Amino acid sequence: MPSATRSETRRYATADPDTAERAALDAGAVLGGWQVPTRIVEALVTRTRDLVAEAVEGYAGDRVIVTTIHEGRHAEVHVIDSARRRETRHYSTTKPTTIERAALDAGAVLGGWQVPTRIVEALVTRTRDLVAEAVEKHTGDRVIVTTTLDQGRAAVHVLSVACSQDHYDLIDPATTATLHESARYWGATTPPPCMCATLALPGDDWPTQRLFITTGHP
C-alpha cells in the first residue's frame, strides 16, 4: 500500500530579515517530526535557507510560500513567492497535436514557477482533459489556455473563442457592447461576437464563476 503524502505550507514576509533562517528551521522541525533521516533533514534545511534567500532577493511578492512534502522515503521542499503570475497561449483546434502540446506547455510553465511536481502532474492531466473537451464540444477555431499562480495556488483555465452560451442578460448592455468590441479584436467570429474571447487575458478580477470558463486545479 503506497505511503500517504504529507505536506505543510507556511508563509513568510519577505521584509523580515529573519525569514530565511526561520523558514529553514521550521522546515527542519516539520521534517524531523515526520521522522525523516537526519542527513536528509540537514540537507533540506540548507536548501530551504538558500531558496528562501533567493526568493526574498529576486522575487516580486511580499511573501514567500514554503511547502514541505514527505511521501514514502522521499522528502522535498518547494519555495515560491506570492506574486501573481499568469501565462496565456492560444492553440488551433484543427491541429492534432494541440491537446498534448497545450498540456506540456502548461507543465513547463508551472515547473518554471517551481510549483511542486505532484501539482504540476495533476494540472498537466487536467489541462489535457479540458482542452480535449473544448475542442470536441465548442465550435471555435482556437482554444485559449491560461495558467495562473496566485498566493501559492496554481490553476489552469481553458476557454474557446466561441461558445453556445446565451450572452444576453448576463451583464448590462453597455458592458456587453464593450466586451463585443474586444471580442472582435481577439478574433471571435461567431455572430454576434462571442464575449468569451474577451476573457482570454484575465485581469485581477478573473471571473471564475462564468459558466463558459472551465477551470482546473488539483
Protein backbone atom coordinates (compact mmCIF):
# COMPACT_ATOMS: atom_id res chain seq x y z
CA MET A 1 0.00 0.00 0.00
CA PRO A 2 1.55 3.36 -1.03
CA SER A 3 2.52 5.77 1.74
CA ALA A 4 0.29 8.80 2.27
CA THR A 5 1.65 12.14 1.19
CA ARG A 6 2.14 14.66 3.99
CA SER A 7 2.63 18.34 3.32
CA GLU A 8 2.77 21.56 5.27
CA THR A 9 2.72 25.07 3.82
CA ARG A 10 3.82 28.22 5.62
CA ARG A 11 4.12 31.83 4.51
CA TYR A 12 6.80 34.31 5.48
CA ALA A 13 7.14 38.07 4.95
CA THR A 14 9.95 38.98 2.56
CA ALA A 15 10.56 42.18 4.55
CA ASP A 16 11.52 40.23 7.68
CA PRO A 17 15.34 39.89 7.85
CA ASP A 18 14.98 36.61 9.76
CA THR A 19 12.73 34.99 7.17
CA ALA A 20 15.34 32.73 5.53
CA GLU A 21 16.58 31.35 8.84
CA ARG A 22 13.12 30.96 10.34
CA ALA A 23 11.78 29.17 7.27
CA ALA A 24 14.75 26.80 7.26
CA LEU A 25 14.34 25.97 10.95
CA ASP A 26 10.60 25.46 10.52
CA ALA A 27 11.17 23.09 7.61
CA GLY A 28 13.67 21.16 9.70
CA ALA A 29 11.24 20.88 12.59
CA VAL A 30 8.45 19.64 10.30
CA LEU A 31 10.69 17.07 8.62
CA GLY A 32 12.06 15.93 11.96
CA GLY A 33 8.54 15.46 13.26
CA TRP A 34 7.88 13.20 10.28
CA GLN A 35 10.95 11.14 11.28
CA VAL A 36 12.86 11.93 8.10
CA PRO A 37 16.52 10.78 8.41
CA THR A 38 18.77 13.42 9.94
CA ARG A 39 21.08 13.75 6.94
CA ILE A 40 18.08 14.46 4.68
CA VAL A 41 16.70 16.98 7.14
CA GLU A 42 20.04 18.79 7.31
CA ALA A 43 20.34 18.90 3.53
CA LEU A 44 16.80 20.24 3.12
CA VAL A 45 17.26 22.83 5.85
CA THR A 46 20.26 24.18 3.96
CA ARG A 47 18.34 24.01 0.69
CA THR A 48 15.37 25.84 2.20
CA ARG A 49 17.60 28.59 3.56
CA ASP A 50 19.17 29.11 0.12
CA LEU A 51 15.85 29.02 -1.78
CA VAL A 52 14.14 31.45 0.57
CA ALA A 53 17.10 33.85 0.46
CA GLU A 54 16.94 33.71 -3.35
CA ALA A 55 13.19 34.32 -3.31
CA VAL A 56 13.49 37.29 -0.96
CA GLU A 57 16.17 38.85 -3.13
CA GLY A 58 14.82 38.19 -6.58
CA TYR A 59 11.04 37.71 -6.45
CA ALA A 60 8.29 40.30 -6.58
CA GLY A 61 5.85 39.08 -3.94
CA ASP A 62 5.59 40.39 -0.38
CA ARG A 63 5.66 36.83 0.96
CA VAL A 64 7.42 33.59 0.25
CA ILE A 65 5.49 30.34 0.45
CA VAL A 66 7.33 27.27 1.70
CA THR A 67 5.81 23.82 1.22
CA THR A 68 7.43 20.80 2.86
CA ILE A 69 6.43 17.41 1.45
CA HIS A 70 7.07 13.84 2.57
CA GLU A 71 5.93 10.81 0.59
CA GLY A 72 7.28 7.35 1.31
CA ARG A 73 11.04 7.72 1.55
CA HIS A 74 11.10 10.94 -0.43
CA ALA A 75 11.13 14.41 1.14
CA GLU A 76 11.35 17.77 -0.58
CA VAL A 77 10.86 21.48 -0.01
CA HIS A 78 9.39 23.95 -2.52
CA VAL A 79 9.66 27.73 -2.30
CA ILE A 80 7.63 30.14 -4.39
CA ASP A 81 6.73 33.79 -3.95
CA SER A 82 3.27 35.25 -3.54
CA ALA A 83 3.34 37.43 -6.66
CA ARG A 84 0.53 36.66 -9.09
CA ARG A 85 1.69 35.11 -12.33
CA ARG A 86 -0.19 34.15 -15.46
CA GLU A 87 0.65 32.99 -18.94
CA THR A 88 -1.83 32.73 -21.79
CA ARG A 89 -1.36 30.77 -25.01
CA HIS A 90 -3.65 30.20 -28.00
CA TYR A 91 -3.92 26.90 -29.89
CA SER A 92 -5.62 25.89 -33.11
CA THR A 93 -8.43 23.39 -32.65
CA THR A 94 -7.68 21.81 -36.03
CA LYS A 95 -4.17 20.62 -35.21
CA PRO A 96 -3.99 17.04 -33.91
CA THR A 97 -1.09 17.98 -31.61
CA THR A 98 -2.98 20.76 -29.80
CA ILE A 99 -4.16 18.75 -26.79
CA GLU A 100 -0.78 17.30 -25.94
CA ARG A 101 1.10 20.49 -26.74
CA ALA A 102 -1.13 22.60 -24.51
CA ALA A 103 -0.72 20.15 -21.62
CA LEU A 104 3.07 20.04 -21.99
CA ASP A 105 3.26 23.84 -22.24
CA ALA A 106 1.25 24.24 -19.04
CA GLY A 107 3.56 21.78 -17.30
CA ALA A 108 6.66 23.66 -18.45
CA VAL A 109 5.24 26.98 -17.24
CA LEU A 110 4.27 25.59 -13.84
CA GLY A 111 7.62 23.85 -13.47
CA GLY A 112 9.39 27.12 -14.22
CA TRP A 113 7.41 28.71 -11.40
CA GLN A 114 8.70 25.97 -9.06
CA VAL A 115 5.25 24.53 -8.41
CA PRO A 116 5.56 21.12 -6.67
CA THR A 117 5.87 18.21 -9.08
CA ARG A 118 2.71 16.44 -7.94
CA ILE A 119 0.67 19.61 -8.56
CA VAL A 120 2.25 20.08 -11.98
CA GLU A 121 1.43 16.49 -12.94
CA ALA A 122 -2.18 16.88 -11.82
CA LEU A 123 -2.60 20.10 -13.78
CA VAL A 124 -0.97 18.68 -16.90
CA THR A 125 -3.55 15.88 -16.86
CA ARG A 126 -6.33 18.37 -16.15
CA THR A 127 -5.20 20.64 -19.00
CA ARG A 128 -5.20 17.72 -21.40
CA ASP A 129 -8.78 16.83 -20.43
CA LEU A 130 -10.07 20.41 -20.54
CA VAL A 131 -8.55 21.17 -23.94
CA ALA A 132 -9.91 17.92 -25.36
CA GLU A 133 -13.36 18.87 -24.08
CA ALA A 134 -13.12 22.38 -25.54
CA VAL A 135 -12.05 21.07 -28.94
CA GLU A 136 -14.81 18.48 -29.01
CA LYS A 137 -17.75 20.50 -27.69
CA HIS A 138 -17.18 24.05 -28.97
CA THR A 139 -17.06 25.49 -32.46
CA GLY A 140 -14.21 27.94 -32.08
CA ASP A 141 -11.12 27.65 -34.26
CA ARG A 142 -8.85 28.30 -31.26
CA VAL A 143 -8.72 27.44 -27.60
CA ILE A 144 -7.11 29.72 -25.05
CA VAL A 145 -5.20 28.24 -22.12
CA THR A 146 -4.25 30.46 -19.20
CA THR A 147 -2.01 29.12 -16.45
CA THR A 148 -2.04 31.07 -13.18
CA LEU A 149 -0.25 31.07 -9.87
CA ASP A 150 -1.59 33.30 -7.12
CA GLN A 151 -0.67 33.13 -3.43
CA GLY A 152 0.70 29.64 -3.96
CA ARG A 153 -2.43 28.32 -5.68
CA ALA A 154 -1.95 27.04 -9.22
CA ALA A 155 -4.77 26.69 -11.74
CA VAL A 156 -5.38 26.24 -15.44
CA HIS A 157 -8.24 27.94 -17.32
CA VAL A 158 -9.40 26.79 -20.74
CA LEU A 159 -11.92 28.53 -22.96
CA SER A 160 -12.90 28.64 -26.62
CA VAL A 161 -13.12 31.76 -28.77
CA ALA A 162 -16.67 30.70 -29.49
CA CYS A 163 -19.29 29.05 -27.35
CA SER A 164 -23.01 28.29 -27.25
CA GLN A 165 -23.84 30.42 -24.21
CA ASP A 166 -26.67 32.94 -24.40
CA HIS A 167 -24.74 36.08 -23.55
CA TYR A 168 -27.69 38.43 -23.35
CA ASP A 169 -28.91 39.48 -19.91
CA LEU A 170 -25.69 38.21 -18.32
CA ILE A 171 -24.47 41.77 -17.89
CA ASP A 172 -25.64 45.28 -18.64
CA PRO A 173 -25.90 46.43 -22.30
CA ALA A 174 -23.04 48.93 -22.09
CA THR A 175 -20.63 46.34 -20.75
CA THR A 176 -21.85 43.84 -23.34
CA ALA A 177 -21.04 46.29 -26.13
CA THR A 178 -17.54 46.83 -24.78
CA LEU A 179 -16.93 43.11 -24.49
CA HIS A 180 -18.20 42.51 -28.02
CA GLU A 181 -15.76 45.11 -29.34
CA SER A 182 -12.88 43.40 -27.53
CA ALA A 183 -14.09 40.02 -28.72
CA ARG A 184 -13.94 41.17 -32.32
CA TYR A 185 -10.38 42.37 -31.75
CA TRP A 186 -9.38 38.97 -30.37
CA GLY A 187 -10.84 37.14 -33.33
CA ALA A 188 -14.14 35.73 -32.08
CA THR A 189 -16.00 35.25 -35.35
CA THR A 190 -19.31 33.79 -34.17
CA PRO A 191 -22.09 36.32 -34.91
CA PRO A 192 -22.84 38.11 -32.74
CA PRO A 193 -19.23 38.29 -31.49
CA CYS A 194 -18.65 35.96 -28.57
CA MET A 195 -17.57 37.80 -25.43
CA CYS A 196 -15.73 34.74 -24.16
CA ALA A 197 -12.67 35.81 -26.13
CA THR A 198 -12.50 38.98 -24.07
CA LEU A 199 -11.60 36.83 -21.10
CA ALA A 200 -8.59 35.29 -22.80
CA LEU A 201 -6.28 37.65 -20.94
CA PRO A 202 -7.78 37.79 -17.44
CA GLY A 203 -7.04 40.59 -15.04
CA ASP A 204 -7.07 40.60 -11.26
CA ASP A 205 -10.86 40.26 -11.33
CA TRP A 206 -10.78 36.94 -13.22
CA PRO A 207 -14.48 35.93 -13.23
CA THR A 208 -14.13 32.29 -12.21
CA GLN A 209 -17.88 31.77 -11.89
CA ARG A 210 -18.70 32.39 -15.57
CA LEU A 211 -20.30 29.26 -16.95
CA PHE A 212 -18.35 29.37 -20.20
CA ILE A 213 -14.99 29.23 -18.42
CA THR A 214 -13.64 25.85 -17.42
CA THR A 215 -11.13 25.89 -14.60
CA GLY A 216 -8.86 23.08 -13.47
CA HIS A 217 -6.96 22.78 -10.23
CA PRO A 218 -5.86 19.81 -8.09
